[in-house]
């Protein structure tokens, strides 16, 4: 008689990538960093133009994602 045990508890099921806190916080941090670098580069006006949008998107994303469960 074989006794099969479940390796993960039902409450700790693996969530899809886009609703996991850790990876999404990393993506938001990279987006904020990219916006910051775009703001202070002197070469391309188009990067400077979209730097504020990137900073705001990363900040809002970080605020929302930080509310996700661990």
PDB file of N, CA and C in Angstrom:
ATOM      1  N   UNK A   1       0.818  -1.174   0.000  1.00  0.00           N
ATOM      2  CA  UNK A   1       0.000   0.000   0.000  1.00  0.00           C
ATOM      3  C   UNK A   1       0.875   1.257   0.000  1.00  0.00           C
ATOM      4  N   UNK A   2       0.678   2.099  -0.951  1.00  0.00           N
ATOM      5  CA  UNK A   2       1.481   3.295  -1.058  1.00  0.00           C
ATOM      6  C   UNK A   2       0.706   4.471  -0.474  1.00  0.00           C
ATOM      7  N   UNK A   3       1.408   5.258   0.299  1.00  0.00           N
ATOM      8  CA  UNK A   3       0.787   6.417   0.918  1.00  0.00           C
ATOM      9  C   UNK A   3       1.267   7.669   0.186  1.00  0.00           C
ATOM     10  N   UNK A   4       0.404   8.279  -0.601  1.00  0.00           N
ATOM     11  CA  UNK A   4       0.770   9.471  -1.369  1.00  0.00           C
ATOM     12  C   UNK A   4       0.512  10.706  -0.525  1.00  0.00           C
ATOM     13  N   UNK A   5       1.535  11.495  -0.384  1.00  0.00           N
ATOM     14  CA  UNK A   5       1.384  12.746   0.355  1.00  0.00           C
ATOM     15  C   UNK A   5       1.447  13.909  -0.620  1.00  0.00           C
ATOM     16  N   UNK A   6       0.662  14.888  -0.310  1.00  0.00           N
ATOM     17  CA  UNK A   6       0.660  16.082  -1.142  1.00  0.00           C
ATOM     18  C   UNK A   6       1.844  16.960  -0.715  1.00  0.00           C
ATOM     19  N   UNK A   7       2.656  17.380  -1.671  1.00  0.00           N
ATOM     20  CA  UNK A   7       3.871  18.131  -1.336  1.00  0.00           C
ATOM     21  C   UNK A   7       3.570  19.578  -0.966  1.00  0.00           C
ATOM     22  N   UNK A   8       2.520  20.147  -1.518  1.00  0.00           N
ATOM     23  CA  UNK A   8       2.159  21.512  -1.165  1.00  0.00           C
ATOM     24  C   UNK A   8       0.777  21.502  -0.533  1.00  0.00           C
ATOM     25  N   UNK A   9       0.610  22.338   0.447  1.00  0.00           N
ATOM     26  CA  UNK A   9      -0.699  22.416   1.078  1.00  0.00           C
ATOM     27  C   UNK A   9      -1.665  23.135   0.134  1.00  0.00           C
ATOM     28  N   UNK A  10      -2.954  22.895   0.270  1.00  0.00           N
ATOM     29  CA  UNK A  10      -3.908  23.532  -0.640  1.00  0.00           C
ATOM     30  C   UNK A  10      -3.881  25.055  -0.574  1.00  0.00           C
ATOM     31  N   UNK A  11      -3.541  25.630   0.576  1.00  0.00           N
ATOM     32  CA  UNK A  11      -3.538  27.084   0.690  1.00  0.00           C
ATOM     33  C   UNK A  11      -2.274  27.709   0.088  1.00  0.00           C
ATOM     34  N   UNK A  12      -1.241  26.901  -0.166  1.00  0.00           N
ATOM     35  CA  UNK A  12       0.015  27.424  -0.714  1.00  0.00           C
ATOM     36  C   UNK A  12       0.233  26.971  -2.155  1.00  0.00           C
ATOM     37  N   UNK A  13      -0.815  26.993  -2.957  1.00  0.00           N
ATOM     38  CA  UNK A  13      -0.689  26.629  -4.362  1.00  0.00           C
ATOM     39  C   UNK A  13       0.197  27.659  -5.070  1.00  0.00           C
ATOM     40  N   UNK A  14       0.914  27.223  -6.075  1.00  0.00           N
ATOM     41  CA  UNK A  14       1.788  28.126  -6.826  1.00  0.00           C
ATOM     42  C   UNK A  14       0.936  29.075  -7.670  1.00  0.00           C
ATOM     43  N   UNK A  15       1.152  30.359  -7.476  1.00  0.00           N
ATOM     44  CA  UNK A  15       0.381  31.378  -8.193  1.00  0.00           C
ATOM     45  C   UNK A  15       1.040  31.676  -9.537  1.00  0.00           C
ATOM     46  N   UNK A  16       0.255  32.176 -10.487  1.00  0.00           N
ATOM     47  CA  UNK A  16       0.854  32.602 -11.760  1.00  0.00           C
ATOM     48  C   UNK A  16       1.877  33.720 -11.537  1.00  0.00           C
ATOM     49  N   UNK A  17       2.785  33.865 -12.474  1.00  0.00           N
ATOM     50  CA  UNK A  17       3.897  34.814 -12.357  1.00  0.00           C
ATOM     51  C   UNK A  17       3.417  36.245 -12.131  1.00  0.00           C
ATOM     52  N   UNK A  18       2.349  36.645 -12.820  1.00  0.00           N
ATOM     53  CA  UNK A  18       1.935  38.040 -12.777  1.00  0.00           C
ATOM     54  C   UNK A  18       1.199  38.430 -11.501  1.00  0.00           C
ATOM     55  N   UNK A  19       0.915  37.479 -10.608  1.00  0.00           N
ATOM     56  CA  UNK A  19       0.325  37.861  -9.324  1.00  0.00           C
ATOM     57  C   UNK A  19       1.198  37.435  -8.145  1.00  0.00           C
ATOM     58  N   UNK A  20       2.464  37.124  -8.415  1.00  0.00           N
ATOM     59  CA  UNK A  20       3.404  36.842  -7.335  1.00  0.00           C
ATOM     60  C   UNK A  20       4.113  38.135  -6.948  1.00  0.00           C
ATOM     61  N   UNK A  21       4.242  38.359  -5.664  1.00  0.00           N
ATOM     62  CA  UNK A  21       4.766  39.622  -5.154  1.00  0.00           C
ATOM     63  C   UNK A  21       6.237  39.841  -5.495  1.00  0.00           C
ATOM     64  N   UNK A  22       7.083  38.879  -5.246  1.00  0.00           N
ATOM     65  CA  UNK A  22       8.527  39.055  -5.419  1.00  0.00           C
ATOM     66  C   UNK A  22       8.945  39.455  -6.824  1.00  0.00           C
ATOM     67  N   UNK A  23       8.596  38.662  -7.842  1.00  0.00           N
ATOM     68  CA  UNK A  23       9.014  39.023  -9.204  1.00  0.00           C
ATOM     69  C   UNK A  23       8.416  40.351  -9.693  1.00  0.00           C
ATOM     70  N   UNK A  24       7.170  40.616  -9.314  1.00  0.00           N
ATOM     71  CA  UNK A  24       6.541  41.854  -9.785  1.00  0.00           C
ATOM     72  C   UNK A  24       7.142  43.081  -9.103  1.00  0.00           C
ATOM     73  N   UNK A  25       7.557  42.949  -7.831  1.00  0.00           N
ATOM     74  CA  UNK A  25       8.249  44.056  -7.183  1.00  0.00           C
ATOM     75  C   UNK A  25       9.593  44.320  -7.874  1.00  0.00           C
ATOM     76  N   UNK A  26      10.265  43.262  -8.300  1.00  0.00           N
ATOM     77  CA  UNK A  26      11.534  43.434  -9.015  1.00  0.00           C
ATOM     78  C   UNK A  26      11.320  44.145 -10.346  1.00  0.00           C
ATOM     79  N   UNK A  27      10.269  43.784 -11.059  1.00  0.00           N
ATOM     80  CA  UNK A  27       9.969  44.436 -12.340  1.00  0.00           C
ATOM     81  C   UNK A  27       9.644  45.910 -12.118  1.00  0.00           C
ATOM     82  N   UNK A  28       8.870  46.215 -11.074  1.00  0.00           N
ATOM     83  CA  UNK A  28       8.532  47.612 -10.768  1.00  0.00           C
ATOM     84  C   UNK A  28       9.791  48.406 -10.420  1.00  0.00           C
ATOM     85  N   UNK A  29      10.694  47.795  -9.674  1.00  0.00           N
ATOM     86  CA  UNK A  29      11.939  48.477  -9.310  1.00  0.00           C
ATOM     87  C   UNK A  29      12.800  48.750 -10.535  1.00  0.00           C
ATOM     88  N   UNK A  30      12.859  47.802 -11.450  1.00  0.00           N
ATOM     89  CA  UNK A  30      13.607  48.003 -12.698  1.00  0.00           C
ATOM     90  C   UNK A  30      12.973  49.120 -13.522  1.00  0.00           C
ATOM     91  N   UNK A  31      11.656  49.179 -13.552  1.00  0.00           N
ATOM     92  CA  UNK A  31      10.966  50.235 -14.301  1.00  0.00           C
ATOM     93  C   UNK A  31      11.242  51.610 -13.692  1.00  0.00           C
ATOM     94  N   UNK A  32      11.243  51.702 -12.378  1.00  0.00           N
ATOM     95  CA  UNK A  32      11.578  52.961 -11.711  1.00  0.00           C
ATOM     96  C   UNK A  32      13.025  53.356 -12.016  1.00  0.00           C
ATOM     97  N   UNK A  33      13.931  52.394 -11.957  1.00  0.00           N
ATOM     98  CA  UNK A  33      15.346  52.673 -12.255  1.00  0.00           C
ATOM     99  C   UNK A  33      15.531  53.122 -13.699  1.00  0.00           C
ATOM    100  N   UNK A  34      14.827  52.469 -14.615  1.00  0.00           N
ATOM    101  CA  UNK A  34      14.918  52.864 -16.031  1.00  0.00           C
ATOM    102  C   UNK A  34      14.405  54.288 -16.227  1.00  0.00           C
ATOM    103  N   UNK A  35      13.303  54.623 -15.575  1.00  0.00           N
ATOM    104  CA  UNK A  35      12.771  55.989 -15.668  1.00  0.00           C
ATOM    105  C   UNK A  35      13.747  57.012 -15.120  1.00  0.00           C
ATOM    106  N   UNK A  36      14.407  56.672 -14.023  1.00  0.00           N
ATOM    107  CA  UNK A  36      15.401  57.569 -13.444  1.00  0.00           C
ATOM    108  C   UNK A  36      16.576  57.780 -14.399  1.00  0.00           C
ATOM    109  N   UNK A  37      17.073  56.687 -14.983  1.00  0.00           N
ATOM    110  CA  UNK A  37      18.183  56.811 -15.936  1.00  0.00           C
ATOM    111  C   UNK A  37      17.764  57.581 -17.189  1.00  0.00           C
ATOM    112  N   UNK A  38      16.536  57.363 -17.634  1.00  0.00           N
ATOM    113  CA  UNK A  38      16.038  58.095 -18.804  1.00  0.00           C
ATOM    114  C   UNK A  38      15.957  59.595 -18.517  1.00  0.00           C
ATOM    115  N   UNK A  39      15.656  59.946 -17.280  1.00  0.00           N
ATOM    116  CA  UNK A  39      15.527  61.354 -16.902  1.00  0.00           C
ATOM    117  C   UNK A  39      16.868  62.079 -16.933  1.00  0.00           C
ATOM    118  N   UNK A  40      17.945  61.374 -16.574  1.00  0.00           N
ATOM    119  CA  UNK A  40      19.246  62.032 -16.449  1.00  0.00           C
ATOM    120  C   UNK A  40      20.231  61.720 -17.563  1.00  0.00           C
ATOM    121  N   UNK A  41      19.755  61.214 -18.667  1.00  0.00           N
ATOM    122  CA  UNK A  41      20.659  60.992 -19.800  1.00  0.00           C
ATOM    123  C   UNK A  41      20.586  62.198 -20.731  1.00  0.00           C
ATOM    124  N   UNK A  42      21.696  62.612 -21.330  1.00  0.00           N
ATOM    125  CA  UNK A  42      21.704  63.820 -22.158  1.00  0.00           C
ATOM    126  C   UNK A  42      21.628  63.573 -23.672  1.00  0.00           C
ATOM    127  N   UNK A  43      21.328  62.331 -24.103  1.00  0.00           N
ATOM    128  CA  UNK A  43      21.494  62.007 -25.516  1.00  0.00           C
ATOM    129  C   UNK A  43      20.202  62.041 -26.326  1.00  0.00           C
ATOM    130  N   UNK A  44      19.154  61.425 -25.847  1.00  0.00           N
ATOM    131  CA  UNK A  44      17.935  61.286 -26.631  1.00  0.00           C
ATOM    132  C   UNK A  44      16.761  61.987 -25.953  1.00  0.00           C
ATOM    133  N   UNK A  45      16.152  62.901 -26.689  1.00  0.00           N
ATOM    134  CA  UNK A  45      15.016  63.643 -26.155  1.00  0.00           C
ATOM    135  C   UNK A  45      13.804  62.746 -25.931  1.00  0.00           C
ATOM    136  N   UNK A  46      13.650  61.712 -26.767  1.00  0.00           N
ATOM    137  CA  UNK A  46      12.495  60.825 -26.628  1.00  0.00           C
ATOM    138  C   UNK A  46      12.555  60.051 -25.302  1.00  0.00           C
ATOM    139  N   UNK A  47      13.747  59.665 -24.853  1.00  0.00           N
ATOM    140  CA  UNK A  47      13.872  59.001 -23.558  1.00  0.00           C
ATOM    141  C   UNK A  47      13.527  59.955 -22.422  1.00  0.00           C
ATOM    142  N   UNK A  48      13.989  61.184 -22.539  1.00  0.00           N
ATOM    143  CA  UNK A  48      13.664  62.188 -21.528  1.00  0.00           C
ATOM    144  C   UNK A  48      12.157  62.447 -21.494  1.00  0.00           C
ATOM    145  N   UNK A  49      11.524  62.434 -22.650  1.00  0.00           N
ATOM    146  CA  UNK A  49      10.090  62.703 -22.743  1.00  0.00           C
ATOM    147  C   UNK A  49       9.274  61.660 -21.992  1.00  0.00           C
ATOM    148  N   UNK A  50       9.655  60.394 -22.097  1.00  0.00           N
ATOM    149  CA  UNK A  50       8.889  59.320 -21.468  1.00  0.00           C
ATOM    150  C   UNK A  50       9.407  58.914 -20.090  1.00  0.00           C
ATOM    151  N   UNK A  51      10.381  59.637 -19.565  1.00  0.00           N
ATOM    152  CA  UNK A  51      10.959  59.265 -18.273  1.00  0.00           C
ATOM    153  C   UNK A  51       9.962  59.423 -17.128  1.00  0.00           C
ATOM    154  N   UNK A  52       9.191  60.479 -17.126  1.00  0.00           N
ATOM    155  CA  UNK A  52       8.219  60.685 -16.061  1.00  0.00           C
ATOM    156  C   UNK A  52       7.132  59.616 -16.103  1.00  0.00           C
ATOM    157  N   UNK A  53       6.705  59.253 -17.299  1.00  0.00           N
ATOM    158  CA  UNK A  53       5.696  58.198 -17.424  1.00  0.00           C
ATOM    159  C   UNK A  53       6.226  56.868 -16.892  1.00  0.00           C
ATOM    160  N   UNK A  54       7.491  56.563 -17.170  1.00  0.00           N
ATOM    161  CA  UNK A  54       8.088  55.326 -16.674  1.00  0.00           C
ATOM    162  C   UNK A  54       8.226  55.357 -15.154  1.00  0.00           C
ATOM    163  N   UNK A  55       8.642  56.493 -14.608  1.00  0.00           N
ATOM    164  CA  UNK A  55       8.749  56.621 -13.160  1.00  0.00           C
ATOM    165  C   UNK A  55       7.390  56.453 -12.483  1.00  0.00           C
ATOM    166  N   UNK A  56       6.387  57.107 -13.013  1.00  0.00           N
ATOM    167  CA  UNK A  56       5.050  57.015 -12.419  1.00  0.00           C
ATOM    168  C   UNK A  56       4.468  55.615 -12.549  1.00  0.00           C
ATOM    169  N   UNK A  57       4.641  54.990 -13.698  1.00  0.00           N
ATOM    170  CA  UNK A  57       4.126  53.632 -13.895  1.00  0.00           C
ATOM    171  C   UNK A  57       4.802  52.651 -12.938  1.00  0.00           C
ATOM    172  N   UNK A  58       6.102  52.765 -12.780  1.00  0.00           N
ATOM    173  CA  UNK A  58       6.821  51.893 -11.855  1.00  0.00           C
ATOM    174  C   UNK A  58       6.413  52.118 -10.412  1.00  0.00           C
ATOM    175  N   UNK A  59       6.202  53.374 -10.038  1.00  0.00           N
ATOM    176  CA  UNK A  59       5.799  53.685  -8.673  1.00  0.00           C
ATOM    177  C   UNK A  59       4.403  53.151  -8.372  1.00  0.00           C
ATOM    178  N   UNK A  60       3.472  53.386  -9.272  1.00  0.00           N
ATOM    179  CA  UNK A  60       2.105  52.881  -9.087  1.00  0.00           C
ATOM    180  C   UNK A  60       2.099  51.357  -9.065  1.00  0.00           C
ATOM    181  N   UNK A  61       2.868  50.753  -9.952  1.00  0.00           N
ATOM    182  CA  UNK A  61       2.949  49.294  -9.980  1.00  0.00           C
ATOM    183  C   UNK A  61       3.513  48.763  -8.660  1.00  0.00           C
ATOM    184  N   UNK A  62       4.540  49.411  -8.131  1.00  0.00           N
ATOM    185  CA  UNK A  62       5.135  48.966  -6.870  1.00  0.00           C
ATOM    186  C   UNK A  62       4.138  49.096  -5.722  1.00  0.00           C
ATOM    187  N   UNK A  63       3.383  50.185  -5.685  1.00  0.00           N
ATOM    188  CA  UNK A  63       2.396  50.377  -4.622  1.00  0.00           C
ATOM    189  C   UNK A  63       1.327  49.302  -4.682  1.00  0.00           C
ATOM    190  N   UNK A  64       0.854  48.981  -5.878  1.00  0.00           N
ATOM    191  CA  UNK A  64      -0.192  47.966  -6.028  1.00  0.00           C
ATOM    192  C   UNK A  64       0.352  46.585  -5.690  1.00  0.00           C
ATOM    193  N   UNK A  65       1.523  46.248  -6.219  1.00  0.00           N
ATOM    194  CA  UNK A  65       2.094  44.921  -6.028  1.00  0.00           C
ATOM    195  C   UNK A  65       2.489  44.687  -4.572  1.00  0.00           C
ATOM    196  N   UNK A  66       2.856  45.729  -3.856  1.00  0.00           N
ATOM    197  CA  UNK A  66       3.252  45.548  -2.455  1.00  0.00           C
ATOM    198  C   UNK A  66       2.080  45.125  -1.580  1.00  0.00           C
ATOM    199  N   UNK A  67       0.860  45.227  -2.078  1.00  0.00           N
ATOM    200  CA  UNK A  67      -0.322  44.780  -1.344  1.00  0.00           C
ATOM    201  C   UNK A  67      -0.618  43.300  -1.578  1.00  0.00           C
ATOM    202  N   UNK A  68       0.049  42.672  -2.554  1.00  0.00           N
ATOM    203  CA  UNK A  68      -0.176  41.254  -2.838  1.00  0.00           C
ATOM    204  C   UNK A  68       0.303  40.401  -1.669  1.00  0.00           C
ATOM    205  N   UNK A  69      -0.298  39.234  -1.447  1.00  0.00           N
ATOM    206  CA  UNK A  69       0.204  38.349  -0.395  1.00  0.00           C
ATOM    207  C   UNK A  69       1.562  37.758  -0.781  1.00  0.00           C
ATOM    208  N   UNK A  70       2.329  37.383   0.209  1.00  0.00           N
ATOM    209  CA  UNK A  70       3.665  36.818  -0.019  1.00  0.00           C
ATOM    210  C   UNK A  70       3.626  35.572  -0.835  1.00  0.00           C
TER     211      UNK A  70
END
